[in-house]
Amino acid sequence: MSKSKRKFELEEKLQILREGETQGVEITCRKHQISRSLFYNWKNKFDRHGPDGLTPKYQRVDPHVKSLEKENERLRKVISKQALELEVKEELLKKTKLHYR
């Protein structure tokens, strides 16, 4: 059986923390099927930063944007490689023209 990562909304986290205070951490964690370490992680964040500490700090990157960024990087490498090849060929042409004079 594979476990999928569950996502908890801010209100759910706050409700679980309140429940943990009134009914006990062990019972609350078992009821909501979360680990004690996750509960205490949320509690520490809430104690330090309030409700803002329980909201995610990262921004999801749109997969389409990510693929475009990868494509841009690939194209930059292709262009820089071609520019280097042109530079080398121009230098060789200069040398061969000087050699034949």
PDB file of N, CA and C in Angstrom:
ATOM      1  N   MET A   1       0.843  -1.179   0.000  1.00  0.00           N
ATOM      2  CA  MET A   1       0.000   0.000   0.000  1.00  0.00           C
ATOM      3  C   MET A   1       0.890   1.244   0.000  1.00  0.00           C
ATOM      4  N   SER A   2       0.716   2.091  -0.986  1.00  0.00           N
ATOM      5  CA  SER A   2       1.549   3.286  -1.063  1.00  0.00           C
ATOM      6  C   SER A   2       0.897   4.418  -0.289  1.00  0.00           C
ATOM      7  N   LYS A   3       1.734   5.179   0.377  1.00  0.00           N
ATOM      8  CA  LYS A   3       1.231   6.322   1.138  1.00  0.00           C
ATOM      9  C   LYS A   3       1.359   7.564   0.275  1.00  0.00           C
ATOM     10  N   SER A   4       0.265   8.297   0.166  1.00  0.00           N
ATOM     11  CA  SER A   4       0.340   9.556  -0.554  1.00  0.00           C
ATOM     12  C   SER A   4       0.497  10.676   0.470  1.00  0.00           C
ATOM     13  N   LYS A   5       1.176  11.696   0.064  1.00  0.00           N
ATOM     14  CA  LYS A   5       1.429  12.803   0.975  1.00  0.00           C
ATOM     15  C   LYS A   5       0.144  13.615   1.134  1.00  0.00           C
ATOM     16  N   ARG A   6      -0.307  13.721   2.375  1.00  0.00           N
ATOM     17  CA  ARG A   6      -1.517  14.489   2.639  1.00  0.00           C
ATOM     18  C   ARG A   6      -1.154  15.947   2.852  1.00  0.00           C
ATOM     19  N   LYS A   7      -2.070  16.806   2.479  1.00  0.00           N
ATOM     20  CA  LYS A   7      -1.868  18.235   2.687  1.00  0.00           C
ATOM     21  C   LYS A   7      -2.930  18.729   3.650  1.00  0.00           C
ATOM     22  N   PHE A   8      -2.497  19.472   4.636  1.00  0.00           N
ATOM     23  CA  PHE A   8      -3.396  20.017   5.638  1.00  0.00           C
ATOM     24  C   PHE A   8      -3.517  21.514   5.440  1.00  0.00           C
ATOM     25  N   GLU A   9      -4.744  21.980   5.445  1.00  0.00           N
ATOM     26  CA  GLU A   9      -4.996  23.419   5.363  1.00  0.00           C
ATOM     27  C   GLU A   9      -4.662  24.049   6.717  1.00  0.00           C
ATOM     28  N   LEU A  10      -4.516  25.357   6.720  1.00  0.00           N
ATOM     29  CA  LEU A  10      -4.181  26.081   7.941  1.00  0.00           C
ATOM     30  C   LEU A  10      -5.204  25.798   9.045  1.00  0.00           C
ATOM     31  N   GLU A  11      -6.475  25.860   8.716  1.00  0.00           N
ATOM     32  CA  GLU A  11      -7.524  25.632   9.719  1.00  0.00           C
ATOM     33  C   GLU A  11      -7.440  24.221  10.306  1.00  0.00           C
ATOM     34  N   GLU A  12      -7.116  23.240   9.457  1.00  0.00           N
ATOM     35  CA  GLU A  12      -6.980  21.866   9.946  1.00  0.00           C
ATOM     36  C   GLU A  12      -5.829  21.757  10.944  1.00  0.00           C
ATOM     37  N   LYS A  13      -4.727  22.389  10.618  1.00  0.00           N
ATOM     38  CA  LYS A  13      -3.571  22.357  11.514  1.00  0.00           C
ATOM     39  C   LYS A  13      -3.899  23.008  12.849  1.00  0.00           C
ATOM     40  N   LEU A  14      -4.560  24.161  12.800  1.00  0.00           N
ATOM     41  CA  LEU A  14      -4.924  24.858  14.033  1.00  0.00           C
ATOM     42  C   LEU A  14      -5.886  24.015  14.870  1.00  0.00           C
ATOM     43  N   GLN A  15      -6.834  23.359  14.214  1.00  0.00           N
ATOM     44  CA  GLN A  15      -7.798  22.532  14.926  1.00  0.00           C
ATOM     45  C   GLN A  15      -7.102  21.339  15.580  1.00  0.00           C
ATOM     46  N   ILE A  16      -6.148  20.743  14.880  1.00  0.00           N
ATOM     47  CA  ILE A  16      -5.396  19.608  15.426  1.00  0.00           C
ATOM     48  C   ILE A  16      -4.557  20.060  16.620  1.00  0.00           C
ATOM     49  N   LEU A  17      -3.946  21.247  16.536  1.00  0.00           N
ATOM     50  CA  LEU A  17      -3.156  21.762  17.660  1.00  0.00           C
ATOM     51  C   LEU A  17      -4.037  22.028  18.887  1.00  0.00           C
ATOM     52  N   ARG A  18      -5.213  22.624  18.651  1.00  0.00           N
ATOM     53  CA  ARG A  18      -6.139  22.863  19.772  1.00  0.00           C
ATOM     54  C   ARG A  18      -6.585  21.541  20.388  1.00  0.00           C
ATOM     55  N   GLU A  19      -6.894  20.588  19.521  1.00  0.00           N
ATOM     56  CA  GLU A  19      -7.331  19.271  19.986  1.00  0.00           C
ATOM     57  C   GLU A  19      -6.226  18.588  20.790  1.00  0.00           C
ATOM     58  N   GLY A  20      -4.992  18.754  20.353  1.00  0.00           N
ATOM     59  CA  GLY A  20      -3.862  18.170  21.070  1.00  0.00           C
ATOM     60  C   GLY A  20      -3.728  18.729  22.474  1.00  0.00           C
ATOM     61  N   GLU A  21      -4.018  20.014  22.636  1.00  0.00           N
ATOM     62  CA  GLU A  21      -3.950  20.634  23.960  1.00  0.00           C
ATOM     63  C   GLU A  21      -5.052  20.118  24.885  1.00  0.00           C
ATOM     64  N   THR A  22      -6.237  19.903  24.338  1.00  0.00           N
ATOM     65  CA  THR A  22      -7.365  19.503  25.191  1.00  0.00           C
ATOM     66  C   THR A  22      -7.440  17.994  25.408  1.00  0.00           C
ATOM     67  N   GLN A  23      -7.173  17.205  24.365  1.00  0.00           N
ATOM     68  CA  GLN A  23      -7.364  15.757  24.459  1.00  0.00           C
ATOM     69  C   GLN A  23      -6.063  14.979  24.608  1.00  0.00           C
ATOM     70  N   GLY A  24      -4.949  15.652  24.454  1.00  0.00           N
ATOM     71  CA  GLY A  24      -3.657  14.989  24.544  1.00  0.00           C
ATOM     72  C   GLY A  24      -3.068  14.734  23.169  1.00  0.00           C
ATOM     73  N   VAL A  25      -1.760  14.841  23.103  1.00  0.00           N
ATOM     74  CA  VAL A  25      -1.049  14.726  21.826  1.00  0.00           C
ATOM     75  C   VAL A  25      -1.165  13.313  21.254  1.00  0.00           C
ATOM     76  N   GLU A  26      -0.965  12.320  22.095  1.00  0.00           N
ATOM     77  CA  GLU A  26      -0.951  10.929  21.624  1.00  0.00           C
ATOM     78  C   GLU A  26      -2.280  10.553  20.972  1.00  0.00           C
ATOM     79  N   ILE A  27      -3.385  10.867  21.639  1.00  0.00           N
ATOM     80  CA  ILE A  27      -4.720  10.523  21.126  1.00  0.00           C
ATOM     81  C   ILE A  27      -5.012  11.294  19.843  1.00  0.00           C
ATOM     82  N   THR A  28      -4.665  12.569  19.824  1.00  0.00           N
ATOM     83  CA  THR A  28      -4.917  13.412  18.654  1.00  0.00           C
ATOM     84  C   THR A  28      -4.124  12.924  17.446  1.00  0.00           C
ATOM     85  N   CYS A  29      -2.862  12.589  17.658  1.00  0.00           N
ATOM     86  CA  CYS A  29      -2.025  12.109  16.553  1.00  0.00           C
ATOM     87  C   CYS A  29      -2.565  10.798  15.995  1.00  0.00           C
ATOM     88  N   ARG A  30      -2.987   9.917  16.884  1.00  0.00           N
ATOM     89  CA  ARG A  30      -3.534   8.638  16.431  1.00  0.00           C
ATOM     90  C   ARG A  30      -4.824   8.869  15.644  1.00  0.00           C
ATOM     91  N   LYS A  31      -5.666   9.755  16.151  1.00  0.00           N
ATOM     92  CA  LYS A  31      -6.961  10.040  15.515  1.00  0.00           C
ATOM     93  C   LYS A  31      -6.769  10.580  14.093  1.00  0.00           C
ATOM     94  N   HIS A  32      -5.819  11.493  13.921  1.00  0.00           N
ATOM     95  CA  HIS A  32      -5.607  12.140  12.618  1.00  0.00           C
ATOM     96  C   HIS A  32      -4.524  11.447  11.790  1.00  0.00           C
ATOM     97  N   GLN A  33      -3.968  10.380  12.333  1.00  0.00           N
ATOM     98  CA  GLN A  33      -2.936   9.591  11.661  1.00  0.00           C
ATOM     99  C   GLN A  33      -1.749  10.455  11.224  1.00  0.00           C
ATOM    100  N   ILE A  34      -1.234  11.208  12.183  1.00  0.00           N
ATOM    101  CA  ILE A  34      -0.021  11.989  11.948  1.00  0.00           C
ATOM    102  C   ILE A  34       0.997  11.598  13.015  1.00  0.00           C
ATOM    103  N   SER A  35       2.243  11.835  12.730  1.00  0.00           N
ATOM    104  CA  SER A  35       3.285  11.512  13.704  1.00  0.00           C
ATOM    105  C   SER A  35       3.368  12.595  14.772  1.00  0.00           C
ATOM    106  N   ARG A  36       3.904  12.202  15.918  1.00  0.00           N
ATOM    107  CA  ARG A  36       4.091  13.188  16.985  1.00  0.00           C
ATOM    108  C   ARG A  36       5.093  14.247  16.556  1.00  0.00           C
ATOM    109  N   SER A  37       6.096  13.831  15.783  1.00  0.00           N
ATOM    110  CA  SER A  37       7.103  14.811  15.343  1.00  0.00           C
ATOM    111  C   SER A  37       6.462  15.874  14.452  1.00  0.00           C
ATOM    112  N   LEU A  38       5.504  15.478  13.617  1.00  0.00           N
ATOM    113  CA  LEU A  38       4.808  16.464  12.785  1.00  0.00           C
ATOM    114  C   LEU A  38       3.984  17.402  13.660  1.00  0.00           C
ATOM    115  N   PHE A  39       3.297  16.844  14.636  1.00  0.00           N
ATOM    116  CA  PHE A  39       2.501  17.664  15.556  1.00  0.00           C
ATOM    117  C   PHE A  39       3.387  18.700  16.245  1.00  0.00           C
ATOM    118  N   TYR A  40       4.524  18.240  16.797  1.00  0.00           N
ATOM    119  CA  TYR A  40       5.402  19.164  17.520  1.00  0.00           C
ATOM    120  C   TYR A  40       6.088  20.144  16.571  1.00  0.00           C
ATOM    121  N   ASN A  41       6.318  19.734  15.343  1.00  0.00           N
ATOM    122  CA  ASN A  41       6.869  20.644  14.337  1.00  0.00           C
ATOM    123  C   ASN A  41       5.883  21.796  14.112  1.00  0.00           C
ATOM    124  N   TRP A  42       4.606  21.442  13.911  1.00  0.00           N
ATOM    125  CA  TRP A  42       3.575  22.475  13.741  1.00  0.00           C
ATOM    126  C   TRP A  42       3.486  23.350  14.987  1.00  0.00           C
ATOM    127  N   LYS A  43       3.533  22.739  16.152  1.00  0.00           N
ATOM    128  CA  LYS A  43       3.400  23.477  17.414  1.00  0.00           C
ATOM    129  C   LYS A  43       4.553  24.474  17.566  1.00  0.00           C
ATOM    130  N   ASN A  44       5.770  24.033  17.280  1.00  0.00           N
ATOM    131  CA  ASN A  44       6.928  24.933  17.381  1.00  0.00           C
ATOM    132  C   ASN A  44       6.815  26.101  16.405  1.00  0.00           C
ATOM    133  N   LYS A  45       6.396  25.804  15.178  1.00  0.00           N
ATOM    134  CA  LYS A  45       6.234  26.876  14.193  1.00  0.00           C
ATOM    135  C   LYS A  45       5.158  27.856  14.628  1.00  0.00           C
ATOM    136  N   PHE A  46       4.059  27.318  15.176  1.00  0.00           N
ATOM    137  CA  PHE A  46       2.973  28.182  15.643  1.00  0.00           C
ATOM    138  C   PHE A  46       3.425  29.023  16.832  1.00  0.00           C
ATOM    139  N   ASP A  47       4.172  28.413  17.756  1.00  0.00           N
ATOM    140  CA  ASP A  47       4.653  29.149  18.929  1.00  0.00           C
ATOM    141  C   ASP A  47       5.599  30.275  18.538  1.00  0.00           C
ATOM    142  N   ARG A  48       6.436  30.049  17.516  1.00  0.00           N
ATOM    143  CA  ARG A  48       7.409  31.056  17.098  1.00  0.00           C
ATOM    144  C   ARG A  48       6.813  32.147  16.209  1.00  0.00           C
ATOM    145  N   HIS A  49       5.933  31.743  15.260  1.00  0.00           N
ATOM    146  CA  HIS A  49       5.478  32.698  14.239  1.00  0.00           C
ATOM    147  C   HIS A  49       3.964  32.872  14.177  1.00  0.00           C
ATOM    148  N   GLY A  50       3.227  32.209  15.040  1.00  0.00           N
ATOM    149  CA  GLY A  50       1.765  32.298  14.986  1.00  0.00           C
ATOM    150  C   GLY A  50       1.229  31.531  13.787  1.00  0.00           C
ATOM    151  N   PRO A  51       0.020  31.852  13.353  1.00  0.00           N
ATOM    152  CA  PRO A  51      -0.583  31.137  12.219  1.00  0.00           C
ATOM    153  C   PRO A  51       0.249  31.225  10.933  1.00  0.00           C
ATOM    154  N   ASP A  52       0.991  32.321  10.761  1.00  0.00           N
ATOM    155  CA  ASP A  52       1.830  32.455   9.564  1.00  0.00           C
ATOM    156  C   ASP A  52       2.900  31.375   9.495  1.00  0.00           C
ATOM    157  N   GLY A  53       3.324  30.871  10.641  1.00  0.00           N
ATOM    158  CA  GLY A  53       4.342  29.828  10.659  1.00  0.00           C
ATOM    159  C   GLY A  53       3.848  28.505  10.108  1.00  0.00           C
ATOM    160  N   LEU A  54       2.531  28.342  10.041  1.00  0.00           N
ATOM    161  CA  LEU A  54       1.959  27.079   9.560  1.00  0.00           C
ATOM    162  C   LEU A  54       1.654  27.092   8.066  1.00  0.00           C
ATOM    163  N   THR A  55       1.850  28.214   7.423  1.00  0.00           N
ATOM    164  CA  THR A  55       1.602  28.275   5.981  1.00  0.00           C
ATOM    165  C   THR A  55       2.898  27.960   5.241  1.00  0.00           C
ATOM    166  N   PRO A  56       2.812  27.281   4.103  1.00  0.00           N
ATOM    167  CA  PRO A  56       4.028  26.926   3.350  1.00  0.00           C
ATOM    168  C   PRO A  56       4.785  28.169   2.896  1.00  0.00           C
ATOM    169  N   LYS A  57       6.099  28.086   2.930  1.00  0.00           N
ATOM    170  CA  LYS A  57       6.942  29.227   2.552  1.00  0.00           C
ATOM    171  C   LYS A  57       7.465  29.130   1.117  1.00  0.00           C
ATOM    172  N   TYR A  58       7.147  28.062   0.457  1.00  0.00           N
ATOM    173  CA  TYR A  58       7.641  27.880  -0.906  1.00  0.00           C
ATOM    174  C   TYR A  58       6.517  28.169  -1.894  1.00  0.00           C
ATOM    175  N   GLN A  59       6.903  28.473  -3.112  1.00  0.00           N
ATOM    176  CA  GLN A  59       5.936  28.677  -4.172  1.00  0.00           C
ATOM    177  C   GLN A  59       6.122  27.570  -5.187  1.00  0.00           C
ATOM    178  N   ARG A  60       5.045  26.973  -5.583  1.00  0.00           N
ATOM    179  CA  ARG A  60       5.127  25.916  -6.590  1.00  0.00           C
ATOM    180  C   ARG A  60       5.445  26.542  -7.939  1.00  0.00           C
ATOM    181  N   VAL A  61       6.301  25.892  -8.677  1.00  0.00           N
ATOM    182  CA  VAL A  61       6.657  26.359 -10.008  1.00  0.00           C
ATOM    183  C   VAL A  61       5.814  25.582 -11.005  1.00  0.00           C
ATOM    184  N   ASP A  62       5.192  26.322 -11.882  1.00  0.00           N
ATOM    185  CA  ASP A  62       4.365  25.704 -12.909  1.00  0.00           C
ATOM    186  C   ASP A  62       5.248  24.780 -13.754  1.00  0.00           C
ATOM    187  N   PRO A  63       4.847  23.522 -13.956  1.00  0.00           N
ATOM    188  CA  PRO A  63       5.672  22.586 -14.741  1.00  0.00           C
ATOM    189  C   PRO A  63       5.970  23.108 -16.142  1.00  0.00           C
ATOM    190  N   HIS A  64       5.023  23.832 -16.732  1.00  0.00           N
ATOM    191  CA  HIS A  64       5.253  24.384 -18.069  1.00  0.00           C
ATOM    192  C   HIS A  64       6.373  25.418 -18.033  1.00  0.00           C
ATOM    193  N   VAL A  65       6.364  26.270 -17.023  1.00  0.00           N
ATOM    194  CA  VAL A  65       7.408  27.287 -16.866  1.00  0.00           C
ATOM    195  C   VAL A  65       8.759  26.603 -16.654  1.00  0.00           C
ATOM    196  N   LYS A  66       8.765  25.557 -15.834  1.00  0.00           N
ATOM    197  CA  LYS A  66      10.002  24.835 -15.571  1.00  0.00           C
ATOM    198  C   LYS A  66      10.567  24.219 -16.852  1.00  0.00           C
ATOM    199  N   SER A  67       9.691  23.629 -17.679  1.00  0.00           N
ATOM    200  CA  SER A  67      10.166  23.033 -18.932  1.00  0.00           C
ATOM    201  C   SER A  67      10.696  24.108 -19.876  1.00  0.00           C
ATOM    202  N   LEU A  68      10.051  25.282 -19.888  1.00  0.00           N
ATOM    203  CA  LEU A  68      10.547  26.381 -20.726  1.00  0.00           C
ATOM    204  C   LEU A  68      11.915  26.868 -20.252  1.00  0.00           C
ATOM    205  N   GLU A  69      12.109  26.926 -18.937  1.00  0.00           N
ATOM    206  CA  GLU A  69      13.408  27.341 -18.402  1.00  0.00           C
ATOM    207  C   GLU A  69      14.496  26.341 -18.784  1.00  0.00           C
ATOM    208  N   LYS A  70      14.175  25.049 -18.733  1.00  0.00           N
ATOM    209  CA  LYS A  70      15.152  24.029 -19.136  1.00  0.00           C
ATOM    210  C   LYS A  70      15.488  24.160 -20.618  1.00  0.00           C
ATOM    211  N   GLU A  71      14.466  24.399 -21.436  1.00  0.00           N
ATOM    212  CA  GLU A  71      14.676  24.569 -22.873  1.00  0.00           C
ATOM    213  C   GLU A  71      15.531  25.809 -23.147  1.00  0.00           C
ATOM    214  N   ASN A  72      15.272  26.899 -22.428  1.00  0.00           N
ATOM    215  CA  ASN A  72      16.084  28.115 -22.589  1.00  0.00           C
ATOM    216  C   ASN A  72      17.547  27.840 -22.252  1.00  0.00           C
ATOM    217  N   GLU A  73      17.778  27.116 -21.169  1.00  0.00           N
ATOM    218  CA  GLU A  73      19.150  26.791 -20.777  1.00  0.00           C
ATOM    219  C   GLU A  73      19.832  25.938 -21.849  1.00  0.00           C
ATOM    220  N   ARG A  74      19.098  24.963 -22.375  1.00  0.00           N
ATOM    221  CA  ARG A  74      19.661  24.109 -23.427  1.00  0.00           C
ATOM    222  C   ARG A  74      20.023  24.944 -24.657  1.00  0.00           C
ATOM    223  N   LEU A  75      19.124  25.859 -25.038  1.00  0.00           N
ATOM    224  CA  LEU A  75      19.383  26.698 -26.216  1.00  0.00           C
ATOM    225  C   LEU A  75      20.560  27.649 -25.982  1.00  0.00           C
ATOM    226  N   ARG A  76      20.700  28.161 -24.761  1.00  0.00           N
ATOM    227  CA  ARG A  76      21.852  29.019 -24.445  1.00  0.00           C
ATOM    228  C   ARG A  76      23.155  28.251 -24.636  1.00  0.00           C
ATOM    229  N   LYS A  77      23.167  26.997 -24.210  1.00  0.00           N
ATOM    230  CA  LYS A  77      24.372  26.178 -24.373  1.00  0.00           C
ATOM    231  C   LYS A  77      24.669  25.942 -25.842  1.00  0.00           C
ATOM    232  N   VAL A  78      23.634  25.683 -26.639  1.00  0.00           N
ATOM    233  CA  VAL A  78      23.820  25.462 -28.074  1.00  0.00           C
ATOM    234  C   VAL A  78      24.390  26.715 -28.724  1.00  0.00           C
ATOM    235  N   ILE A  79      23.827  27.863 -28.382  1.00  0.00           N
ATOM    236  CA  ILE A  79      24.282  29.131 -28.972  1.00  0.00           C
ATOM    237  C   ILE A  79      25.723  29.433 -28.573  1.00  0.00           C
ATOM    238  N   SER A  80      26.061  29.205 -27.295  1.00  0.00           N
ATOM    239  CA  SER A  80      27.432  29.495 -26.870  1.00  0.00           C
ATOM    240  C   SER A  80      28.416  28.550 -27.551  1.00  0.00           C
ATOM    241  N   LYS A  81      28.011  27.303 -27.751  1.00  0.00           N
ATOM    242  CA  LYS A  81      28.878  26.346 -28.449  1.00  0.00           C
ATOM    243  C   LYS A  81      29.087  26.780 -29.902  1.00  0.00           C
ATOM    244  N   GLN A  82      27.997  27.215 -30.559  1.00  0.00           N
ATOM    245  CA  GLN A  82      28.114  27.667 -31.942  1.00  0.00           C
ATOM    246  C   GLN A  82      28.965  28.932 -32.044  1.00  0.00           C
ATOM    247  N   ALA A  83      28.831  29.839 -31.091  1.00  0.00           N
ATOM    248  CA  ALA A  83      29.623  31.067 -31.106  1.00  0.00           C
ATOM    249  C   ALA A  83      31.107  30.740 -30.960  1.00  0.00           C
ATOM    250  N   LEU A  84      31.423  29.786 -30.097  1.00  0.00           N
ATOM    251  CA  LEU A  84      32.808  29.372 -29.919  1.00  0.00           C
ATOM    252  C   LEU A  84      33.359  28.734 -31.200  1.00  0.00           C
ATOM    253  N   GLU A  85      32.551  27.895 -31.834  1.00  0.00           N
ATOM    254  CA  GLU A  85      32.980  27.272 -33.085  1.00  0.00           C
ATOM    255  C   GLU A  85      33.235  28.315 -34.165  1.00  0.00           C
ATOM    256  N   LEU A  86      32.359  29.318 -34.269  1.00  0.00           N
ATOM    257  CA  LEU A  86      32.556  30.386 -35.246  1.00  0.00           C
ATOM    258  C   LEU A  86      33.849  31.155 -34.989  1.00  0.00           C
ATOM    259  N   GLU A  87      34.104  31.426 -33.723  1.00  0.00           N
ATOM    260  CA  GLU A  87      35.311  32.153 -33.355  1.00  0.00           C
ATOM    261  C   GLU A  87      36.555  31.360 -33.756  1.00  0.00           C
ATOM    262  N   VAL A  88      36.547  30.073 -33.484  1.00  0.00           N
ATOM    263  CA  VAL A  88      37.687  29.223 -33.832  1.00  0.00           C
ATOM    264  C   VAL A  88      37.863  29.173 -35.349  1.00  0.00           C
ATOM    265  N   LYS A  89      36.765  29.042 -36.086  1.00  0.00           N
ATOM    266  CA  LYS A  89      36.845  28.989 -37.556  1.00  0.00           C
ATOM    267  C   LYS A  89      37.364  30.295 -38.136  1.00  0.00           C
ATOM    268  N   GLU A  90      36.926  31.424 -37.564  1.00  0.00           N
ATOM    269  CA  GLU A  90      37.417  32.719 -38.038  1.00  0.00           C
ATOM    270  C   GLU A  90      38.915  32.852 -37.806  1.00  0.00           C
ATOM    271  N   GLU A  91      39.378  32.393 -36.652  1.00  0.00           N
ATOM    272  CA  GLU A  91      40.811  32.437 -36.360  1.00  0.00           C
ATOM    273  C   GLU A  91      41.584  31.568 -37.351  1.00  0.00           C
ATOM    274  N   LEU A  92      41.052  30.390 -37.645  1.00  0.00           N
ATOM    275  CA  LEU A  92      41.713  29.509 -38.619  1.00  0.00           C
ATOM    276  C   LEU A  92      41.747  30.137 -40.001  1.00  0.00           C
ATOM    277  N   LEU A  93      40.658  30.798 -40.405  1.00  0.00           N
ATOM    278  CA  LEU A  93      40.624  31.469 -41.703  1.00  0.00           C
ATOM    279  C   LEU A  93      41.675  32.577 -41.777  1.00  0.00           C
ATOM    280  N   LYS A  94      41.796  33.341 -40.699  1.00  0.00           N
ATOM    281  CA  LYS A  94      42.792  34.408 -40.674  1.00  0.00           C
ATOM    282  C   LYS A  94      44.195  33.841 -40.830  1.00  0.00           C
ATOM    283  N   LYS A  95      44.452  32.743 -40.129  1.00  0.00           N
ATOM    284  CA  LYS A  95      45.777  32.130 -40.193  1.00  0.00           C
ATOM    285  C   LYS A  95      46.063  31.568 -41.576  1.00  0.00           C
ATOM    286  N   THR A  96      45.052  30.945 -42.208  1.00  0.00           N
ATOM    287  CA  THR A  96      45.276  30.364 -43.529  1.00  0.00           C
ATOM    288  C   THR A  96      45.451  31.461 -44.570  1.00  0.00           C
ATOM    289  N   LYS A  97      44.737  32.598 -44.447  1.00  0.00           N
ATOM    290  CA  LYS A  97      44.903  33.707 -45.389  1.00  0.00           C
ATOM    291  C   LYS A  97      46.313  34.294 -45.250  1.00  0.00           C
ATOM    292  N   LEU A  98      46.835  34.429 -44.031  1.00  0.00           N
ATOM    293  CA  LEU A  98      48.175  34.952 -43.814  1.00  0.00           C
ATOM    294  C   LEU A  98      49.212  33.984 -44.362  1.00  0.00           C
ATOM    295  N   HIS A  99      48.948  32.705 -44.245  1.00  0.00           N
ATOM    296  CA  HIS A  99      49.875  31.674 -44.683  1.00  0.00           C
ATOM    297  C   HIS A  99      50.015  31.673 -46.211  1.00  0.00           C
ATOM    298  N   TYR A 100      48.927  31.947 -46.938  1.00  0.00           N
ATOM    299  CA  TYR A 100      48.956  31.925 -48.394  1.00  0.00           C
ATOM    300  C   TYR A 100      49.440  33.235 -49.020  1.00  0.00           C
ATOM    301  N   ARG A 101      49.637  34.263 -48.276  1.00  0.00           N
ATOM    302  CA  ARG A 101      50.095  35.546 -48.825  1.00  0.00           C
ATOM    303  C   ARG A 101      51.561  35.567 -49.023  1.00  0.00           C
TER     304      ARG A 101
END
